[in-house]
């Protein structure tokens, strides 16, 4: 049992929010698409067998609001199961057939930390000296610099002159953002699940992020929370190890629910959210911090446009991690070695508008294997006489 109040998974204004998600019911052997209505979860699977299909429907808002329930589950029980033994009905990651994409280096502070990783070649003991050198060169000049502007070019010039140029600066303050594929379709874990870091990684951290959910025609229709679990030592040794640093068993967490956009919650509201990160360890370690989406260097709409368009289509839509401000630097084990995960850490990523995504850390090798892929989903839906549209 993860020691968190199950009600914390919900937004503070959940009575007003339009929430959709996915759950696993052992009786079905597979996922169901649901919405929160009062103190119940309402099954929508007979109307849309996948979340991808549901979000693409032109009548999405009306359907979620008015669909007659064929089955329901008690919300409180499902939330408790999600953080407990998970042998009964529990939440899954709220996306399914969507491609899981991510934008990197979208905050100035995290950009500097990526530079430090690269210059340290994945060795945390060298990070402090490099951080001090960068601070001496530019101080706070990088904060607030708009990518692609003359000011950004001047920051680049200074760092090049100091021998501190990095490819991360190019995507952080240059005209084009970094967009990459974070994880395979259906591989994301949801709230309450274990998240994994490679056993041999010695420098890693959570990356709390706002995740936009986008339809096949490029409309951002909702938002949720994500943990873009990252291995700093691997990516620091070489950017070509990004796949190994980012894509491992249970290394992508999304949830608990997707909050659909409406008159009171839209991209403008998302861009002002404060996102909290709390890490509690069995060793008594506590990290408690927060960051503001308003500090992003890139606009959310800009990131969506660089992901989908004439250059790239996504027939099942996509989920887009929008980047993180966090790269924890406070020492945990030894002086000047910064933060790294311990097995058993409980990571909570939260904001009042979206609730909390809570997971416990294990190794990628020890986390439950990912076995339910696209073929398994199609077979399960067919067995339940549900159409895959």
Protein backbone atom coordinates (compact mmCIF):
# COMPACT_ATOMS: atom_id res chain seq x y z
CA UNK A 1 0.00 0.00 0.00
CA UNK A 2 1.36 3.41 -0.97
CA UNK A 3 0.84 5.69 2.07
CA UNK A 4 -1.20 8.38 0.30
CA UNK A 5 -4.86 9.30 0.73
CA UNK A 6 -6.59 7.80 -2.35
CA UNK A 7 -8.73 10.96 -2.62
CA UNK A 8 -5.52 12.86 -3.47
CA UNK A 9 -5.57 11.22 -6.90
CA UNK A 10 -8.53 13.44 -7.82
CA UNK A 11 -8.45 17.15 -8.70
CA UNK A 12 -9.45 19.46 -5.85
CA UNK A 13 -12.47 20.54 -7.93
CA UNK A 14 -13.30 17.06 -9.23
CA UNK A 15 -17.04 17.76 -9.00
CA UNK A 16 -16.64 20.38 -11.73
CA UNK A 17 -13.93 18.63 -13.77
CA UNK A 18 -14.62 16.34 -16.73
CA UNK A 19 -12.40 13.33 -16.12
CA UNK A 20 -11.87 10.26 -18.29
CA UNK A 21 -9.58 7.32 -17.71
CA UNK A 22 -9.00 3.61 -18.06
CA UNK A 23 -9.31 0.82 -15.53
CA UNK A 24 -8.57 -2.88 -15.34
CA UNK A 25 -11.31 -5.20 -14.13
CA UNK A 26 -10.13 -8.79 -13.57
CA UNK A 27 -13.55 -10.00 -14.68
CA UNK A 28 -12.83 -8.61 -18.16
CA UNK A 29 -9.13 -9.42 -18.32
CA UNK A 30 -8.54 -6.09 -20.06
CA UNK A 31 -9.09 -2.33 -19.98
CA UNK A 32 -12.31 -0.33 -19.88
CA UNK A 33 -12.74 3.33 -20.79
CA UNK A 34 -14.48 5.26 -18.02
CA UNK A 35 -15.52 8.70 -16.84
CA UNK A 36 -15.93 10.03 -13.31
CA UNK A 37 -19.50 10.95 -12.45
CA UNK A 38 -20.15 11.79 -8.83
CA UNK A 39 -18.89 8.97 -6.65
CA UNK A 40 -18.88 6.42 -9.48
CA UNK A 41 -16.83 5.44 -12.49
CA UNK A 42 -19.09 5.08 -15.53
CA UNK A 43 -18.20 2.56 -18.24
CA UNK A 44 -17.97 4.04 -21.75
CA UNK A 45 -16.33 1.04 -23.42
CA UNK A 46 -19.48 -0.01 -25.28
CA UNK A 47 -19.46 3.42 -26.94
CA UNK A 48 -15.70 3.76 -27.49
CA UNK A 49 -13.54 0.70 -26.94
CA UNK A 50 -10.31 2.71 -26.69
CA UNK A 51 -9.40 6.10 -25.25
CA UNK A 52 -8.00 7.01 -28.65
CA UNK A 53 -11.42 6.49 -30.24
CA UNK A 54 -13.25 8.31 -27.46
CA UNK A 55 -11.14 11.46 -27.69
CA UNK A 56 -11.52 11.59 -31.48
CA UNK A 57 -15.32 11.59 -31.32
CA UNK A 58 -16.95 14.88 -32.39
CA UNK A 59 -19.55 14.44 -29.65
CA UNK A 60 -16.93 13.85 -26.95
CA UNK A 61 -18.17 16.36 -24.37
CA UNK A 62 -21.84 15.37 -24.68
CA UNK A 63 -21.07 11.66 -24.72
CA UNK A 64 -18.99 11.83 -21.54
CA UNK A 65 -21.57 13.97 -19.80
CA UNK A 66 -24.77 12.15 -20.75
CA UNK A 67 -23.97 8.53 -21.71
CA UNK A 68 -26.27 6.03 -20.02
CA UNK A 69 -24.18 3.74 -17.80
CA UNK A 70 -24.26 0.03 -18.50
CA UNK A 71 -21.77 -0.69 -15.73
CA UNK A 72 -20.39 1.34 -12.83
CA UNK A 73 -17.69 0.94 -10.21
CA UNK A 74 -17.44 2.73 -6.84
CA UNK A 75 -14.87 5.48 -7.32
CA UNK A 76 -13.51 5.34 -3.76
CA UNK A 77 -12.93 1.59 -3.96
CA UNK A 78 -11.09 1.81 -7.29
CA UNK A 79 -8.84 4.62 -6.02
CA UNK A 80 -8.00 2.62 -2.90
CA UNK A 81 -7.23 -0.49 -4.97
CA UNK A 82 -5.04 1.58 -7.26
CA UNK A 83 -2.75 2.51 -4.36
CA UNK A 84 -3.10 -0.87 -2.65
CA UNK A 85 -2.65 -4.48 -3.67
CA UNK A 86 -4.03 -3.90 -7.18
CA UNK A 87 -5.55 -7.40 -7.32
CA UNK A 88 -9.04 -5.94 -7.83
CA UNK A 89 -10.36 -3.20 -10.12
CA UNK A 90 -7.73 -0.45 -10.42
CA UNK A 91 -6.75 2.44 -12.65
CA UNK A 92 -4.43 2.11 -15.63
CA UNK A 93 -2.58 4.79 -17.55
CA UNK A 94 -5.38 6.84 -19.20
CA UNK A 95 -3.94 6.57 -22.75
CA UNK A 96 -3.83 3.50 -24.94
CA UNK A 97 -3.24 3.64 -28.73
CA UNK A 98 -1.78 7.15 -28.63
CA UNK A 99 1.93 7.44 -29.44
CA UNK A 100 3.83 8.64 -26.36
CA UNK A 101 5.93 11.63 -27.36
CA UNK A 102 8.01 14.06 -25.31
CA UNK A 103 9.43 17.54 -25.69
CA UNK A 104 12.82 18.05 -24.08
CA UNK A 105 14.69 21.06 -22.75
CA UNK A 106 11.65 23.34 -22.57
CA UNK A 107 12.72 25.07 -19.34
CA UNK A 108 15.88 27.19 -19.06
CA UNK A 109 16.91 25.66 -15.72
CA UNK A 110 16.56 22.09 -16.94
CA UNK A 111 18.48 23.04 -20.09
CA UNK A 112 21.44 24.07 -17.95
CA UNK A 113 21.25 20.75 -16.11
CA UNK A 114 21.33 18.87 -19.43
CA UNK A 115 24.48 20.80 -20.34
CA UNK A 116 25.97 19.82 -16.99
CA UNK A 117 25.12 16.14 -17.58
CA UNK A 118 26.84 16.24 -20.94
CA UNK A 119 29.93 18.09 -19.72
CA UNK A 120 30.18 15.73 -16.74
CA UNK A 121 29.91 12.74 -19.09
CA UNK A 122 27.44 11.16 -16.70
CA UNK A 123 29.70 11.53 -13.63
CA UNK A 124 27.72 13.26 -10.83
CA UNK A 125 30.90 14.11 -8.91
CA UNK A 126 31.84 16.64 -11.61
CA UNK A 127 28.43 18.36 -11.75
CA UNK A 128 28.94 20.96 -9.02
CA UNK A 129 32.10 22.47 -10.53
CA UNK A 130 30.52 22.69 -13.99
CA UNK A 131 27.35 24.26 -12.54
CA UNK A 132 29.45 26.93 -10.82
CA UNK A 133 31.34 27.62 -14.04
CA UNK A 134 28.12 28.12 -16.01
CA UNK A 135 26.72 30.39 -13.31
CA UNK A 136 29.89 32.49 -13.45
CA UNK A 137 29.64 32.78 -17.24
CA UNK A 138 25.99 33.76 -17.63
CA UNK A 139 24.48 34.02 -14.14
CA UNK A 140 20.72 34.30 -14.49
CA UNK A 141 20.94 35.64 -18.04
CA UNK A 142 19.41 32.50 -19.49
CA UNK A 143 16.20 32.80 -17.48
CA UNK A 144 13.41 34.28 -19.54
CA UNK A 145 15.33 34.15 -22.81
CA UNK A 146 12.94 33.37 -25.66
CA UNK A 147 14.24 30.64 -27.99
CA UNK A 148 15.33 31.79 -31.43
CA UNK A 149 15.79 35.46 -30.44
CA UNK A 150 18.91 37.67 -30.61
CA UNK A 151 19.14 37.40 -26.80
CA UNK A 152 19.26 33.62 -27.10
CA UNK A 153 21.97 33.92 -29.73
CA UNK A 154 24.03 36.09 -27.36
CA UNK A 155 23.76 33.51 -24.56
CA UNK A 156 24.90 30.90 -27.04
CA UNK A 157 27.87 33.08 -28.06
CA UNK A 158 28.99 33.49 -24.45
CA UNK A 159 28.81 29.80 -23.70
CA UNK A 160 30.67 28.88 -26.88
CA UNK A 161 33.40 31.35 -25.93
CA UNK A 162 33.63 29.72 -22.50
CA UNK A 163 33.95 26.28 -24.05
CA UNK A 164 30.53 25.29 -22.75
CA UNK A 165 28.60 24.88 -25.97
CA UNK A 166 26.22 21.91 -25.99
CA UNK A 167 23.66 20.38 -28.32
CA UNK A 168 21.15 20.88 -25.50
CA UNK A 169 21.53 24.63 -25.87
CA UNK A 170 20.59 24.32 -29.53
CA UNK A 171 17.22 22.71 -28.76
CA UNK A 172 16.74 24.79 -25.61
CA UNK A 173 17.20 28.26 -27.09
CA UNK A 174 17.36 27.60 -30.83
CA UNK A 175 14.39 27.81 -33.23
CA UNK A 176 13.47 24.09 -33.17
CA UNK A 177 12.40 22.13 -30.07
CA UNK A 178 13.45 18.61 -29.20
CA UNK A 179 10.58 16.18 -29.85
CA UNK A 180 11.21 12.48 -29.34
CA UNK A 181 9.29 9.25 -28.77
CA UNK A 182 9.29 8.48 -25.06
CA UNK A 183 7.81 4.99 -24.92
CA UNK A 184 5.98 2.38 -27.04
CA UNK A 185 2.22 2.41 -27.43
CA UNK A 186 0.46 0.81 -24.42
CA UNK A 187 3.66 0.61 -22.32
CA UNK A 188 2.88 3.45 -19.88
CA UNK A 189 2.01 2.55 -16.30
CA UNK A 190 -0.61 4.42 -14.29
CA UNK A 191 -1.00 5.75 -10.77
CA UNK A 192 -0.09 3.26 -8.04
CA UNK A 193 2.12 1.15 -10.30
CA UNK A 194 5.82 0.62 -9.78
CA UNK A 195 8.19 2.68 -11.91
CA UNK A 196 11.59 1.36 -12.94
CA UNK A 197 15.15 2.62 -13.30
CA UNK A 198 17.94 0.41 -14.61
CA UNK A 199 19.84 -1.45 -11.90
CA UNK A 200 23.17 -0.23 -13.22
CA UNK A 201 22.21 3.44 -13.24
CA UNK A 202 23.86 5.47 -10.46
CA UNK A 203 22.49 8.94 -11.32
CA UNK A 204 18.79 9.21 -12.10
CA UNK A 205 15.71 11.20 -11.17
CA UNK A 206 11.97 11.66 -11.67
CA UNK A 207 10.85 14.18 -14.26
CA UNK A 208 7.41 15.56 -13.30
CA UNK A 209 5.63 16.86 -16.37
CA UNK A 210 2.35 18.11 -17.73
CA UNK A 211 1.15 15.76 -20.48
CA UNK A 212 -1.11 17.03 -23.24
CA UNK A 213 -3.44 14.55 -24.94
CA UNK A 214 -3.90 15.33 -28.63
CA UNK A 215 -6.33 13.89 -31.18
CA UNK A 216 -5.52 12.50 -34.62
CA UNK A 217 -6.32 15.88 -36.20
CA UNK A 218 -3.97 17.79 -33.89
CA UNK A 219 -6.37 19.16 -31.25
CA UNK A 220 -5.21 19.21 -27.65
CA UNK A 221 -8.35 18.03 -25.85
CA UNK A 222 -7.10 17.43 -22.34
CA UNK A 223 -4.21 17.16 -19.93
CA UNK A 224 -2.82 14.78 -17.33
CA UNK A 225 0.37 14.26 -15.34
CA UNK A 226 3.44 12.25 -16.25
CA UNK A 227 6.75 11.02 -14.88
CA UNK A 228 9.38 10.93 -17.61
CA UNK A 229 11.76 8.77 -15.55
CA UNK A 230 15.31 9.67 -16.59
CA UNK A 231 18.80 8.19 -16.24
CA UNK A 232 21.13 11.20 -16.04
CA UNK A 233 24.30 9.13 -16.17
CA UNK A 234 23.30 7.43 -19.44
CA UNK A 235 22.11 10.54 -21.27
CA UNK A 236 25.08 12.47 -19.90
CA UNK A 237 27.56 10.02 -21.40
CA UNK A 238 26.04 10.50 -24.84
CA UNK A 239 22.84 11.95 -26.28
CA UNK A 240 22.78 8.86 -28.50
CA UNK A 241 21.92 6.91 -25.35
CA UNK A 242 18.66 8.85 -24.99
CA UNK A 243 16.63 5.75 -25.82
CA UNK A 244 18.35 3.73 -23.10
CA UNK A 245 18.03 6.62 -20.65
CA UNK A 246 14.32 7.14 -21.29
CA UNK A 247 12.71 3.92 -22.51
CA UNK A 248 12.90 1.02 -20.08
CA UNK A 249 10.43 -1.30 -18.41
CA UNK A 250 7.98 0.82 -16.34
CA UNK A 251 9.92 4.01 -17.04
CA UNK A 252 6.90 6.01 -18.21
CA UNK A 253 4.03 6.84 -15.84
CA UNK A 254 0.90 8.77 -16.87
CA UNK A 255 -2.28 9.57 -14.94
CA UNK A 256 -4.39 9.28 -12.95
CA UNK A 257 -7.07 10.75 -15.27
CA UNK A 258 -7.24 12.95 -18.35
CA UNK A 259 -9.01 16.21 -17.57
CA UNK A 260 -10.84 17.29 -20.70
CA UNK A 261 -10.69 20.91 -21.75
CA UNK A 262 -13.83 23.00 -21.33
CA UNK A 263 -14.84 26.60 -20.66
CA UNK A 264 -13.05 26.64 -17.29
CA UNK A 265 -9.99 24.53 -18.10
CA UNK A 266 -8.02 24.99 -21.31
CA UNK A 267 -4.48 25.47 -22.62
CA UNK A 268 -4.35 28.89 -21.03
CA UNK A 269 -5.17 27.43 -17.63
CA UNK A 270 -2.65 24.64 -18.10
CA UNK A 271 0.14 27.12 -18.84
CA UNK A 272 -0.25 28.65 -15.36
CA UNK A 273 -0.32 25.45 -13.30
CA UNK A 274 2.04 24.88 -10.39
CA UNK A 275 3.31 21.30 -10.38
CA UNK A 276 4.60 19.76 -7.19
CA UNK A 277 7.15 16.99 -6.77
CA UNK A 278 7.52 15.04 -3.54
CA UNK A 279 9.94 12.14 -3.08
CA UNK A 280 9.96 10.21 0.19
CA UNK A 281 12.49 7.46 0.81
CA UNK A 282 12.67 4.56 3.21
CA UNK A 283 15.95 6.14 4.39
CA UNK A 284 14.10 9.21 5.68
CA UNK A 285 15.00 11.32 2.65
CA UNK A 286 12.43 13.96 1.67
CA UNK A 287 12.40 16.12 -1.43
CA UNK A 288 9.52 18.58 -1.63
CA UNK A 289 9.51 21.18 -4.39
CA UNK A 290 7.30 22.84 -6.98
CA UNK A 291 7.62 24.56 -10.34
CA UNK A 292 5.45 26.74 -12.51
CA UNK A 293 4.43 26.00 -16.07
CA UNK A 294 4.66 29.76 -16.61
CA UNK A 295 8.47 29.39 -16.63
CA UNK A 296 8.43 27.31 -19.81
CA UNK A 297 10.59 28.65 -22.62
CA UNK A 298 8.28 27.21 -25.28
CA UNK A 299 4.53 27.70 -25.70
CA UNK A 300 2.39 24.57 -25.47
CA UNK A 301 0.71 25.19 -28.82
CA UNK A 302 4.13 25.57 -30.44
CA UNK A 303 5.16 22.13 -29.16
CA UNK A 304 1.97 20.52 -30.49
CA UNK A 305 2.50 22.14 -33.91
CA UNK A 306 6.06 20.80 -34.07
CA UNK A 307 4.82 17.31 -33.27
CA UNK A 308 1.90 16.96 -35.70
CA UNK A 309 1.30 18.60 -39.07
CA UNK A 310 2.08 18.18 -42.73
CA UNK A 311 5.43 16.67 -41.69
CA UNK A 312 4.00 13.98 -39.37
CA UNK A 313 0.56 12.49 -38.73
CA UNK A 314 -0.69 10.36 -35.83
CA UNK A 315 -3.82 8.43 -36.82
CA UNK A 316 -4.49 7.39 -33.20
CA UNK A 317 -3.44 10.69 -31.63
CA UNK A 318 -0.59 11.17 -29.19
CA UNK A 319 0.27 12.06 -25.62
CA UNK A 320 2.93 14.76 -25.33
CA UNK A 321 5.15 15.18 -22.28
CA UNK A 322 5.86 18.92 -22.31
CA UNK A 323 9.16 19.03 -20.41
CA UNK A 324 10.25 19.55 -16.84
CA UNK A 325 11.85 22.25 -14.73
CA UNK A 326 13.12 19.66 -12.27
CA UNK A 327 16.61 18.21 -12.17
CA UNK A 328 17.11 17.64 -8.43
CA UNK A 329 20.57 18.72 -7.27
CA UNK A 330 20.38 18.48 -3.46
CA UNK A 331 22.77 15.81 -2.21
CA UNK A 332 21.31 12.54 -0.99
CA UNK A 333 24.06 9.98 -0.39
CA UNK A 334 27.40 11.75 -0.57
CA UNK A 335 28.52 15.41 -0.72
CA UNK A 336 28.52 16.90 -4.24
CA UNK A 337 26.90 13.78 -5.73
CA UNK A 338 23.40 15.23 -6.09
CA UNK A 339 20.16 13.24 -6.09
CA UNK A 340 19.54 9.73 -7.29
CA UNK A 341 16.67 7.33 -6.64
CA UNK A 342 16.66 4.56 -4.07
CA UNK A 343 14.50 1.50 -4.46
CA UNK A 344 11.29 2.06 -2.48
CA UNK A 345 11.07 5.82 -3.06
CA UNK A 346 7.50 7.09 -3.31
CA UNK A 347 7.19 9.77 -5.99
CA UNK A 348 4.16 12.06 -6.03
CA UNK A 349 3.59 14.51 -8.89
CA UNK A 350 0.62 16.75 -8.27
CA UNK A 351 -1.30 19.88 -9.05
CA UNK A 352 -4.78 20.77 -7.72
CA UNK A 353 -6.33 20.86 -11.20
CA UNK A 354 -5.20 17.33 -12.11
CA UNK A 355 -4.79 15.46 -8.82
CA UNK A 356 -1.73 13.37 -8.06
CA UNK A 357 0.27 10.75 -9.93
CA UNK A 358 1.85 8.56 -7.24
CA UNK A 359 4.25 5.67 -7.86
CA UNK A 360 6.84 3.62 -6.00
CA UNK A 361 10.35 3.20 -7.44
CA UNK A 362 11.90 -0.16 -8.21
CA UNK A 363 14.34 -1.29 -10.87
CA UNK A 364 13.30 -1.77 -14.47
CA UNK A 365 14.45 -5.37 -14.11
CA UNK A 366 12.28 -6.01 -11.02
CA UNK A 367 9.16 -4.13 -12.16
CA UNK A 368 6.31 -6.24 -13.58
CA UNK A 369 6.99 -7.10 -17.21
CA UNK A 370 5.00 -5.27 -19.87
CA UNK A 371 2.97 -8.06 -21.47
CA UNK A 372 -0.29 -6.42 -22.61
CA UNK A 373 0.50 -5.00 -26.04
CA UNK A 374 -1.51 -4.14 -29.14
CA UNK A 375 -2.26 -7.74 -30.12
CA UNK A 376 -3.40 -8.53 -26.59
CA UNK A 377 -5.67 -5.47 -26.55
CA UNK A 378 -7.31 -6.35 -29.86
CA UNK A 379 -7.79 -9.97 -28.82
CA UNK A 380 -9.31 -8.96 -25.47
CA UNK A 381 -11.73 -6.51 -27.03
CA UNK A 382 -12.82 -9.12 -29.57
CA UNK A 383 -13.40 -11.65 -26.80
CA UNK A 384 -15.66 -9.06 -25.13
CA UNK A 385 -17.52 -8.46 -28.42
CA UNK A 386 -16.21 -4.89 -28.60
CA UNK A 387 -15.27 -3.31 -31.90
CA UNK A 388 -11.87 -1.72 -32.49
CA UNK A 389 -12.67 1.34 -34.57
